[in-house]
């Protein structure tokens, strides 16, 4: 259910795009994202900082798209979001000396610091590359191809990356379990 709620704005964007055009789809995406956040607040679910950032970006870039009748703005929205994530992760690692990936999932998984560092930099690189890839698709392919990539391509690439991260973490989880068994 959470996955459906998370992808609700993207799905309605895609349907509206296929039925109407990018401008109607952008308005629908704005409304769907506002509705998503309102529903989460109404049902007393925690709205994550990423969701607030996404709402702000869809309203600002979507609003610019509609007001200026220029699809460039909405096409830049995923890139800005991904690059913001990359910058935050980099800032955390280099300036704050804090690993935000570990902060998010560290209670659910025991791993050596080296593993956490590799994961944080992997996510940083992934977000930076996804932002660049979004722009490449937006500027080198049709609007329809970009919309399909935005909804489905990014989802598949994220899934493949997460699977790779899970395999990477599995190596450390085994080491941690073996170390605990040796302590017994």
N, C-alpha and C. Protein backbone atom coordinates (compact mmCIF):
# COMPACT_ATOMS: atom_id res chain seq x y z
N UNK A 1 0.82 -1.20 0.00
CA UNK A 1 0.00 0.00 0.00
C UNK A 1 0.87 1.27 0.00
N UNK A 2 1.97 1.23 0.79
CA UNK A 2 2.84 2.40 0.85
C UNK A 2 3.47 2.67 -0.52
N UNK A 3 3.88 1.60 -1.21
CA UNK A 3 4.46 1.76 -2.53
C UNK A 3 3.48 2.43 -3.49
N UNK A 4 2.22 2.01 -3.45
CA UNK A 4 1.20 2.62 -4.30
C UNK A 4 1.01 4.08 -3.95
N UNK A 5 0.98 4.40 -2.65
CA UNK A 5 0.83 5.78 -2.22
C UNK A 5 2.01 6.62 -2.68
N UNK A 6 3.22 6.05 -2.60
CA UNK A 6 4.42 6.78 -3.02
C UNK A 6 4.42 7.08 -4.51
N UNK A 7 3.92 6.14 -5.31
CA UNK A 7 3.95 6.31 -6.76
C UNK A 7 2.65 6.86 -7.35
N UNK A 8 1.67 7.13 -6.49
CA UNK A 8 0.39 7.67 -6.94
C UNK A 8 0.55 8.91 -7.82
N UNK A 9 1.29 9.94 -7.38
CA UNK A 9 1.42 11.13 -8.24
C UNK A 9 2.05 10.82 -9.60
N UNK A 10 3.04 9.94 -9.62
CA UNK A 10 3.67 9.57 -10.89
C UNK A 10 2.71 8.86 -11.82
N UNK A 11 1.95 7.94 -11.25
CA UNK A 11 1.00 7.18 -12.07
C UNK A 11 -0.09 8.06 -12.66
N UNK A 12 -0.65 8.96 -11.84
CA UNK A 12 -1.70 9.84 -12.39
C UNK A 12 -1.11 10.84 -13.38
N UNK A 13 0.15 11.25 -13.15
CA UNK A 13 0.84 12.10 -14.13
C UNK A 13 0.88 11.38 -15.48
N UNK A 14 1.30 10.13 -15.45
CA UNK A 14 1.46 9.36 -16.68
C UNK A 14 0.13 9.16 -17.40
N UNK A 15 -0.90 8.80 -16.66
CA UNK A 15 -2.23 8.60 -17.27
C UNK A 15 -2.72 9.91 -17.87
N UNK A 16 -2.61 11.01 -17.12
CA UNK A 16 -3.06 12.31 -17.63
C UNK A 16 -2.25 12.72 -18.86
N UNK A 17 -0.96 12.42 -18.85
CA UNK A 17 -0.12 12.74 -20.00
C UNK A 17 -0.59 11.98 -21.23
N UNK A 18 -0.90 10.70 -21.07
CA UNK A 18 -1.34 9.88 -22.20
C UNK A 18 -2.72 10.31 -22.71
N UNK A 19 -3.58 10.78 -21.80
CA UNK A 19 -4.93 11.18 -22.19
C UNK A 19 -4.94 12.60 -22.74
N UNK A 20 -4.24 13.51 -22.09
CA UNK A 20 -4.25 14.91 -22.49
C UNK A 20 -2.89 15.36 -22.99
N UNK A 21 -2.16 16.10 -22.18
CA UNK A 21 -0.84 16.58 -22.57
C UNK A 21 0.00 16.83 -21.32
N UNK A 22 1.20 17.32 -21.52
CA UNK A 22 2.14 17.51 -20.40
C UNK A 22 1.64 18.57 -19.42
N UNK A 23 0.89 19.55 -19.90
CA UNK A 23 0.44 20.65 -19.03
C UNK A 23 -0.68 20.18 -18.11
N UNK A 24 -1.62 19.45 -18.64
CA UNK A 24 -2.68 18.87 -17.81
C UNK A 24 -2.06 17.87 -16.84
N UNK A 25 -1.15 17.04 -17.36
CA UNK A 25 -0.50 16.03 -16.52
C UNK A 25 0.27 16.69 -15.37
N UNK A 26 0.90 17.81 -15.64
CA UNK A 26 1.63 18.53 -14.60
C UNK A 26 0.68 19.05 -13.53
N UNK A 27 -0.43 19.62 -13.94
CA UNK A 27 -1.44 20.08 -12.97
C UNK A 27 -1.98 18.93 -12.13
N UNK A 28 -2.21 17.80 -12.78
CA UNK A 28 -2.70 16.61 -12.08
C UNK A 28 -1.63 16.12 -11.09
N UNK A 29 -0.37 16.15 -11.50
CA UNK A 29 0.72 15.71 -10.61
C UNK A 29 0.82 16.61 -9.38
N UNK A 30 0.65 17.91 -9.59
CA UNK A 30 0.68 18.84 -8.45
C UNK A 30 -0.46 18.51 -7.49
N UNK A 31 -1.67 18.37 -8.04
CA UNK A 31 -2.84 18.06 -7.20
C UNK A 31 -2.67 16.72 -6.50
N UNK A 32 -2.15 15.73 -7.21
CA UNK A 32 -1.98 14.40 -6.62
C UNK A 32 -0.93 14.42 -5.50
N UNK A 33 0.12 15.19 -5.68
CA UNK A 33 1.16 15.27 -4.65
C UNK A 33 0.64 15.99 -3.42
N UNK A 34 -0.11 17.06 -3.62
CA UNK A 34 -0.74 17.76 -2.49
C UNK A 34 -1.70 16.81 -1.78
N UNK A 35 -2.50 16.08 -2.55
CA UNK A 35 -3.45 15.11 -1.96
C UNK A 35 -2.70 14.01 -1.20
N UNK A 36 -1.60 13.55 -1.74
CA UNK A 36 -0.80 12.51 -1.08
C UNK A 36 -0.31 13.00 0.29
N UNK A 37 0.25 14.18 0.34
CA UNK A 37 0.75 14.73 1.61
C UNK A 37 -0.40 14.99 2.57
N UNK A 38 -1.51 15.51 2.05
CA UNK A 38 -2.68 15.77 2.91
C UNK A 38 -3.20 14.46 3.49
N UNK A 39 -3.26 13.41 2.68
CA UNK A 39 -3.72 12.11 3.16
C UNK A 39 -2.80 11.57 4.25
N UNK A 40 -1.52 11.72 4.04
CA UNK A 40 -0.57 11.23 5.04
C UNK A 40 -0.72 11.99 6.35
N UNK A 41 -0.91 13.29 6.26
CA UNK A 41 -1.09 14.08 7.48
C UNK A 41 -2.41 13.73 8.16
N UNK A 42 -3.46 13.57 7.36
CA UNK A 42 -4.78 13.23 7.90
C UNK A 42 -4.76 11.87 8.59
N UNK A 43 -4.05 10.92 7.99
CA UNK A 43 -3.98 9.57 8.57
C UNK A 43 -2.84 9.45 9.60
N UNK A 44 -2.26 10.58 9.95
CA UNK A 44 -1.22 10.67 10.99
C UNK A 44 0.03 9.84 10.66
N UNK A 45 0.34 9.77 9.39
CA UNK A 45 1.58 9.11 8.97
C UNK A 45 2.67 10.17 8.89
N UNK A 46 3.88 9.75 9.10
CA UNK A 46 5.00 10.68 9.05
C UNK A 46 5.28 11.07 7.59
N UNK A 47 5.36 12.34 7.35
CA UNK A 47 5.74 12.84 6.03
C UNK A 47 7.26 13.05 6.08
N UNK A 48 7.96 12.28 5.27
CA UNK A 48 9.42 12.31 5.26
C UNK A 48 9.92 13.61 4.60
N UNK A 49 11.12 14.07 5.00
CA UNK A 49 11.69 15.27 4.38
C UNK A 49 11.76 15.17 2.85
N UNK A 50 12.07 13.96 2.33
CA UNK A 50 12.12 13.76 0.88
C UNK A 50 10.76 14.07 0.24
N UNK A 51 9.68 13.70 0.92
CA UNK A 51 8.35 13.95 0.38
C UNK A 51 8.02 15.44 0.39
N UNK A 52 8.45 16.14 1.44
CA UNK A 52 8.25 17.60 1.47
C UNK A 52 9.03 18.27 0.34
N UNK A 53 10.28 17.83 0.14
CA UNK A 53 11.10 18.39 -0.93
C UNK A 53 10.46 18.12 -2.29
N UNK A 54 9.98 16.91 -2.48
CA UNK A 54 9.33 16.56 -3.74
C UNK A 54 8.09 17.42 -3.97
N UNK A 55 7.31 17.63 -2.91
CA UNK A 55 6.12 18.50 -3.02
C UNK A 55 6.54 19.91 -3.43
N UNK A 56 7.54 20.46 -2.76
CA UNK A 56 7.99 21.81 -3.09
C UNK A 56 8.45 21.90 -4.54
N UNK A 57 9.22 20.91 -4.97
CA UNK A 57 9.73 20.94 -6.35
C UNK A 57 8.62 20.78 -7.38
N UNK A 58 7.67 19.90 -7.13
CA UNK A 58 6.60 19.71 -8.10
C UNK A 58 5.72 20.96 -8.18
N UNK A 59 5.52 21.62 -7.04
CA UNK A 59 4.72 22.85 -7.06
C UNK A 59 5.47 23.97 -7.79
N UNK A 60 6.76 24.14 -7.48
CA UNK A 60 7.53 25.22 -8.10
C UNK A 60 7.77 24.94 -9.59
N UNK A 61 8.33 23.78 -9.90
CA UNK A 61 8.64 23.49 -11.30
C UNK A 61 7.38 23.19 -12.11
N UNK A 62 6.42 22.54 -11.51
CA UNK A 62 5.15 22.31 -12.18
C UNK A 62 4.39 23.60 -12.42
N UNK A 63 4.41 24.46 -11.40
CA UNK A 63 3.76 25.76 -11.55
C UNK A 63 4.39 26.58 -12.66
N UNK A 64 5.73 26.56 -12.73
CA UNK A 64 6.43 27.28 -13.80
C UNK A 64 6.08 26.69 -15.16
N UNK A 65 5.98 25.38 -15.23
CA UNK A 65 5.61 24.71 -16.48
C UNK A 65 4.25 25.19 -16.97
N UNK A 66 3.28 25.23 -16.06
CA UNK A 66 1.92 25.62 -16.43
C UNK A 66 1.85 27.12 -16.74
N UNK A 67 2.41 27.94 -15.86
CA UNK A 67 2.33 29.39 -16.05
C UNK A 67 3.06 29.87 -17.30
N UNK A 68 4.21 29.30 -17.57
CA UNK A 68 5.01 29.73 -18.72
C UNK A 68 4.78 28.88 -19.95
N UNK A 69 3.95 27.85 -19.80
CA UNK A 69 3.65 26.91 -20.88
C UNK A 69 4.94 26.41 -21.52
N UNK A 70 5.82 25.92 -20.64
CA UNK A 70 7.13 25.42 -21.06
C UNK A 70 7.44 24.14 -20.28
N UNK A 71 7.44 23.02 -20.96
CA UNK A 71 7.63 21.72 -20.32
C UNK A 71 9.04 21.51 -19.78
N UNK A 72 9.96 22.38 -20.13
CA UNK A 72 11.34 22.24 -19.66
C UNK A 72 11.39 22.18 -18.14
N UNK A 73 10.57 22.98 -17.48
CA UNK A 73 10.63 23.04 -16.02
C UNK A 73 10.27 21.71 -15.37
N UNK A 74 9.20 21.09 -15.81
CA UNK A 74 8.80 19.82 -15.20
C UNK A 74 9.79 18.72 -15.54
N UNK A 75 10.43 18.83 -16.69
CA UNK A 75 11.44 17.84 -17.06
C UNK A 75 12.68 17.95 -16.17
N UNK A 76 12.95 19.13 -15.67
CA UNK A 76 14.10 19.34 -14.78
C UNK A 76 13.82 18.89 -13.35
N UNK A 77 12.56 18.76 -12.97
CA UNK A 77 12.20 18.45 -11.58
C UNK A 77 12.87 17.18 -11.06
N UNK A 78 12.81 16.04 -11.76
CA UNK A 78 13.49 14.85 -11.22
C UNK A 78 14.99 15.06 -11.05
N UNK A 79 15.61 15.76 -12.00
CA UNK A 79 17.05 16.00 -11.91
C UNK A 79 17.38 16.83 -10.67
N UNK A 80 16.62 17.88 -10.44
CA UNK A 80 16.88 18.72 -9.27
C UNK A 80 16.70 17.90 -7.99
N UNK A 81 15.68 17.06 -7.94
CA UNK A 81 15.44 16.22 -6.76
C UNK A 81 16.61 15.26 -6.55
N UNK A 82 17.03 14.56 -7.60
CA UNK A 82 18.14 13.61 -7.47
C UNK A 82 19.44 14.31 -7.11
N UNK A 83 19.70 15.43 -7.74
CA UNK A 83 20.94 16.14 -7.42
C UNK A 83 20.91 16.71 -6.01
N UNK A 84 19.74 17.10 -5.54
CA UNK A 84 19.62 17.56 -4.15
C UNK A 84 19.98 16.42 -3.19
N UNK A 85 19.49 15.22 -3.48
CA UNK A 85 19.84 14.07 -2.65
C UNK A 85 21.35 13.84 -2.67
N UNK A 86 21.96 13.90 -3.85
CA UNK A 86 23.41 13.68 -3.96
C UNK A 86 24.18 14.73 -3.17
N UNK A 87 23.74 15.97 -3.26
CA UNK A 87 24.42 17.05 -2.52
C UNK A 87 24.27 16.85 -1.01
N UNK A 88 23.09 16.50 -0.56
CA UNK A 88 22.87 16.27 0.87
C UNK A 88 23.73 15.12 1.38
N UNK A 89 23.78 14.03 0.64
CA UNK A 89 24.61 12.89 1.05
C UNK A 89 26.09 13.27 1.07
N UNK A 90 26.53 14.02 0.08
CA UNK A 90 27.92 14.46 0.02
C UNK A 90 28.24 15.41 1.17
N UNK A 91 27.37 16.37 1.40
CA UNK A 91 27.55 17.32 2.50
C UNK A 91 27.62 16.59 3.84
N UNK A 92 26.74 15.61 4.01
CA UNK A 92 26.75 14.84 5.25
C UNK A 92 28.07 14.12 5.44
N UNK A 93 28.55 13.46 4.39
CA UNK A 93 29.80 12.70 4.49
C UNK A 93 31.02 13.60 4.70
N UNK A 94 31.13 14.65 3.89
CA UNK A 94 32.35 15.45 3.89
C UNK A 94 32.38 16.55 4.94
N UNK A 95 31.26 17.20 5.16
CA UNK A 95 31.23 18.36 6.06
C UNK A 95 30.78 17.97 7.46
N UNK A 96 29.66 17.31 7.55
CA UNK A 96 29.12 16.95 8.86
C UNK A 96 29.72 15.67 9.44
N UNK A 97 30.42 14.92 8.58
CA UNK A 97 30.96 13.62 8.98
C UNK A 97 29.84 12.71 9.51
N UNK A 98 28.71 12.78 8.81
CA UNK A 98 27.53 11.99 9.18
C UNK A 98 27.07 11.23 7.95
N UNK A 99 26.79 9.96 8.14
CA UNK A 99 26.34 9.12 7.06
C UNK A 99 24.82 9.03 7.13
N UNK A 100 24.15 9.76 6.23
CA UNK A 100 22.69 9.81 6.26
C UNK A 100 22.04 8.48 5.86
N UNK A 101 22.72 7.68 5.05
CA UNK A 101 22.19 6.36 4.71
C UNK A 101 22.14 5.51 5.98
N UNK A 102 23.21 5.54 6.74
CA UNK A 102 23.24 4.81 8.00
C UNK A 102 22.18 5.35 8.97
N UNK A 103 21.99 6.66 8.98
CA UNK A 103 20.98 7.26 9.86
C UNK A 103 19.58 6.75 9.55
N UNK A 104 19.31 6.49 8.28
CA UNK A 104 17.98 6.06 7.86
C UNK A 104 17.76 4.57 8.13
N UNK A 105 18.75 3.72 7.82
CA UNK A 105 18.51 2.28 7.95
C UNK A 105 19.43 1.59 8.94
N UNK A 106 20.25 2.34 9.64
CA UNK A 106 21.24 1.76 10.54
C UNK A 106 20.68 0.97 11.69
N UNK A 107 19.47 1.30 12.14
CA UNK A 107 18.87 0.54 13.24
C UNK A 107 18.39 -0.83 12.79
N UNK A 108 18.16 -0.99 11.51
CA UNK A 108 17.64 -2.25 10.98
C UNK A 108 18.75 -3.18 10.50
N UNK A 109 19.98 -2.67 10.45
CA UNK A 109 21.07 -3.43 9.85
C UNK A 109 22.38 -3.08 10.53
N UNK A 110 23.11 -4.09 10.93
CA UNK A 110 24.44 -3.89 11.48
C UNK A 110 25.45 -4.10 10.36
N UNK A 111 26.35 -3.13 10.22
CA UNK A 111 27.34 -3.22 9.17
C UNK A 111 28.58 -2.43 9.61
N UNK A 112 29.76 -2.82 9.20
CA UNK A 112 30.96 -2.04 9.53
C UNK A 112 30.91 -0.66 8.87
N UNK A 113 31.64 0.27 9.44
CA UNK A 113 31.65 1.65 8.92
C UNK A 113 32.05 1.71 7.44
N UNK A 114 33.00 0.88 7.04
CA UNK A 114 33.42 0.85 5.64
C UNK A 114 32.24 0.52 4.73
N UNK A 115 31.40 -0.43 5.14
CA UNK A 115 30.22 -0.78 4.35
C UNK A 115 29.26 0.39 4.24
N UNK A 116 29.05 1.09 5.35
CA UNK A 116 28.16 2.26 5.33
C UNK A 116 28.71 3.35 4.42
N UNK A 117 30.03 3.55 4.48
CA UNK A 117 30.65 4.57 3.63
C UNK A 117 30.46 4.23 2.15
N UNK A 118 30.69 2.97 1.81
CA UNK A 118 30.52 2.54 0.41
C UNK A 118 29.07 2.74 -0.02
N UNK A 119 28.13 2.38 0.86
CA UNK A 119 26.72 2.57 0.52
C UNK A 119 26.37 4.03 0.30
N UNK A 120 26.86 4.90 1.19
CA UNK A 120 26.55 6.32 1.05
C UNK A 120 27.09 6.88 -0.26
N UNK A 121 28.33 6.53 -0.60
CA UNK A 121 28.89 7.03 -1.85
C UNK A 121 28.23 6.40 -3.06
N UNK A 122 27.79 5.15 -2.92
CA UNK A 122 27.06 4.49 -4.02
C UNK A 122 25.75 5.22 -4.29
N UNK A 123 25.02 5.54 -3.22
CA UNK A 123 23.76 6.27 -3.38
C UNK A 123 24.01 7.66 -3.96
N UNK A 124 25.07 8.31 -3.50
CA UNK A 124 25.42 9.63 -4.03
C UNK A 124 25.65 9.57 -5.53
N UNK A 125 26.47 8.61 -5.95
CA UNK A 125 26.76 8.45 -7.38
C UNK A 125 25.50 8.09 -8.16
N UNK A 126 24.67 7.21 -7.59
CA UNK A 126 23.44 6.82 -8.27
C UNK A 126 22.54 8.03 -8.50
N UNK A 127 22.34 8.84 -7.46
CA UNK A 127 21.48 10.01 -7.63
C UNK A 127 22.07 11.01 -8.63
N UNK A 128 23.37 11.21 -8.58
CA UNK A 128 23.99 12.13 -9.54
C UNK A 128 23.81 11.63 -10.97
N UNK A 129 24.02 10.34 -11.17
CA UNK A 129 23.86 9.76 -12.50
C UNK A 129 22.40 9.78 -12.95
N UNK A 130 21.47 9.50 -12.05
CA UNK A 130 20.05 9.52 -12.41
C UNK A 130 19.61 10.92 -12.84
N UNK A 131 20.13 11.94 -12.16
CA UNK A 131 19.81 13.31 -12.56
C UNK A 131 20.30 13.61 -13.96
N UNK A 132 21.53 13.18 -14.24
CA UNK A 132 22.09 13.40 -15.58
C UNK A 132 21.34 12.58 -16.63
N UNK A 133 21.02 11.35 -16.29
CA UNK A 133 20.28 10.49 -17.22
C UNK A 133 18.91 11.07 -17.55
N UNK A 134 18.22 11.60 -16.55
CA UNK A 134 16.92 12.23 -16.80
C UNK A 134 17.05 13.37 -17.82
N UNK A 135 18.07 14.21 -17.65
CA UNK A 135 18.26 15.31 -18.61
C UNK A 135 18.61 14.79 -20.00
N UNK A 136 19.43 13.76 -20.06
CA UNK A 136 19.79 13.20 -21.36
C UNK A 136 18.54 12.70 -22.09
N UNK A 137 17.68 11.98 -21.37
CA UNK A 137 16.44 11.49 -21.99
C UNK A 137 15.54 12.67 -22.37
N UNK A 138 15.42 13.64 -21.47
CA UNK A 138 14.54 14.80 -21.72
C UNK A 138 14.95 15.58 -22.96
N UNK A 139 16.25 15.72 -23.19
CA UNK A 139 16.73 16.54 -24.30
C UNK A 139 17.04 15.76 -25.57
N UNK A 140 17.04 14.44 -25.51
CA UNK A 140 17.40 13.67 -26.69
C UNK A 140 16.28 12.78 -27.24
N UNK A 141 15.16 12.76 -26.54
CA UNK A 141 14.05 11.91 -26.96
C UNK A 141 12.75 12.70 -26.91
N UNK A 142 11.70 12.10 -27.41
CA UNK A 142 10.40 12.76 -27.44
C UNK A 142 9.86 12.95 -26.02
N UNK A 143 8.91 13.84 -25.91
CA UNK A 143 8.26 14.08 -24.62
C UNK A 143 7.60 12.80 -24.10
N UNK A 144 7.01 12.04 -25.00
CA UNK A 144 6.37 10.79 -24.61
C UNK A 144 7.39 9.78 -24.07
N UNK A 145 8.54 9.69 -24.73
CA UNK A 145 9.59 8.79 -24.25
C UNK A 145 10.08 9.24 -22.89
N UNK A 146 10.27 10.56 -22.71
CA UNK A 146 10.71 11.07 -21.42
C UNK A 146 9.69 10.73 -20.33
N UNK A 147 8.40 10.94 -20.60
CA UNK A 147 7.37 10.65 -19.59
C UNK A 147 7.37 9.17 -19.23
N UNK A 148 7.52 8.31 -20.20
CA UNK A 148 7.58 6.87 -19.94
C UNK A 148 8.82 6.53 -19.12
N UNK A 149 9.95 7.12 -19.48
CA UNK A 149 11.18 6.90 -18.73
C UNK A 149 11.03 7.40 -17.29
N UNK A 150 10.45 8.56 -17.13
CA UNK A 150 10.28 9.17 -15.80
C UNK A 150 9.49 8.26 -14.89
N UNK A 151 8.47 7.64 -15.40
CA UNK A 151 7.60 6.80 -14.57
C UNK A 151 8.13 5.38 -14.46
N UNK A 152 8.46 4.76 -15.57
CA UNK A 152 8.81 3.34 -15.54
C UNK A 152 10.32 3.09 -15.57
N UNK A 153 11.04 3.82 -16.38
CA UNK A 153 12.48 3.62 -16.49
C UNK A 153 13.20 3.89 -15.18
N UNK A 154 12.86 4.99 -14.56
CA UNK A 154 13.49 5.34 -13.29
C UNK A 154 13.12 4.31 -12.23
N UNK A 155 11.89 3.85 -12.24
CA UNK A 155 11.44 2.83 -11.28
C UNK A 155 12.26 1.55 -11.44
N UNK A 156 12.46 1.11 -12.68
CA UNK A 156 13.22 -0.11 -12.94
C UNK A 156 14.69 0.09 -12.54
N UNK A 157 15.28 1.21 -12.92
CA UNK A 157 16.68 1.46 -12.57
C UNK A 157 16.86 1.52 -11.05
N UNK A 158 15.91 2.15 -10.36
CA UNK A 158 15.96 2.21 -8.90
C UNK A 158 15.87 0.80 -8.32
N UNK A 159 14.99 -0.02 -8.86
CA UNK A 159 14.85 -1.40 -8.38
C UNK A 159 16.13 -2.20 -8.56
N UNK A 160 16.76 -2.06 -9.73
CA UNK A 160 18.01 -2.77 -9.99
C UNK A 160 19.10 -2.29 -9.03
N UNK A 161 19.16 -0.99 -8.81
CA UNK A 161 20.16 -0.44 -7.90
C UNK A 161 19.93 -0.92 -6.47
N UNK A 162 18.68 -0.90 -6.02
CA UNK A 162 18.37 -1.36 -4.67
C UNK A 162 18.70 -2.84 -4.52
N UNK A 163 18.42 -3.62 -5.54
CA UNK A 163 18.79 -5.04 -5.50
C UNK A 163 20.31 -5.19 -5.36
N UNK A 164 21.05 -4.42 -6.11
CA UNK A 164 22.51 -4.44 -6.00
C UNK A 164 22.97 -4.04 -4.60
N UNK A 165 22.31 -3.04 -4.02
CA UNK A 165 22.65 -2.63 -2.66
C UNK A 165 22.34 -3.74 -1.65
N UNK A 166 21.24 -4.43 -1.87
CA UNK A 166 20.86 -5.54 -0.97
C UNK A 166 21.91 -6.65 -1.05
N UNK A 167 22.37 -6.95 -2.26
CA UNK A 167 23.41 -7.97 -2.42
C UNK A 167 24.70 -7.52 -1.74
N UNK A 168 25.03 -6.25 -1.87
CA UNK A 168 26.21 -5.70 -1.22
C UNK A 168 26.08 -5.81 0.31
N UNK A 169 24.93 -5.42 0.83
CA UNK A 169 24.71 -5.49 2.28
C UNK A 169 24.72 -6.93 2.77
N UNK A 170 24.24 -7.85 1.96
CA UNK A 170 24.21 -9.26 2.34
C UNK A 170 25.58 -9.79 2.71
N UNK A 171 26.60 -9.31 2.02
CA UNK A 171 27.96 -9.72 2.32
C UNK A 171 28.35 -9.33 3.74
N UNK A 172 27.96 -8.12 4.16
CA UNK A 172 28.29 -7.65 5.50
C UNK A 172 27.41 -8.27 6.57
N UNK A 173 26.15 -8.53 6.23
CA UNK A 173 25.24 -9.14 7.20
C UNK A 173 25.76 -10.53 7.57
N UNK A 174 26.23 -11.29 6.59
CA UNK A 174 26.78 -12.62 6.85
C UNK A 174 28.00 -12.51 7.76
N UNK A 175 28.88 -11.53 7.48
CA UNK A 175 30.07 -11.34 8.31
C UNK A 175 29.65 -10.98 9.74
N UNK A 176 28.66 -10.14 9.89
CA UNK A 176 28.19 -9.73 11.21
C UNK A 176 27.59 -10.91 11.96
N UNK A 177 26.78 -11.72 11.26
CA UNK A 177 26.17 -12.90 11.90
C UNK A 177 27.25 -13.90 12.31
N UNK A 178 28.27 -14.09 11.46
CA UNK A 178 29.35 -15.00 11.80
C UNK A 178 30.15 -14.50 13.00
N UNK A 179 30.37 -13.19 13.06
CA UNK A 179 31.09 -12.61 14.18
C UNK A 179 30.30 -12.78 15.47
N UNK A 180 28.98 -12.59 15.40
CA UNK A 180 28.13 -12.78 16.59
C UNK A 180 28.14 -14.24 17.03
N UNK A 181 28.10 -15.16 16.07
CA UNK A 181 28.11 -16.59 16.40
C UNK A 181 29.43 -16.97 17.06
N UNK A 182 30.52 -16.34 16.62
CA UNK A 182 31.82 -16.61 17.20
C UNK A 182 31.94 -16.09 18.63
N UNK A 183 31.17 -15.02 18.95
CA UNK A 183 31.18 -14.44 20.28
C UNK A 183 30.41 -15.31 21.28
N UNK A 184 29.54 -16.17 20.80
CA UNK A 184 28.69 -16.97 21.70
C UNK A 184 29.44 -18.07 22.39
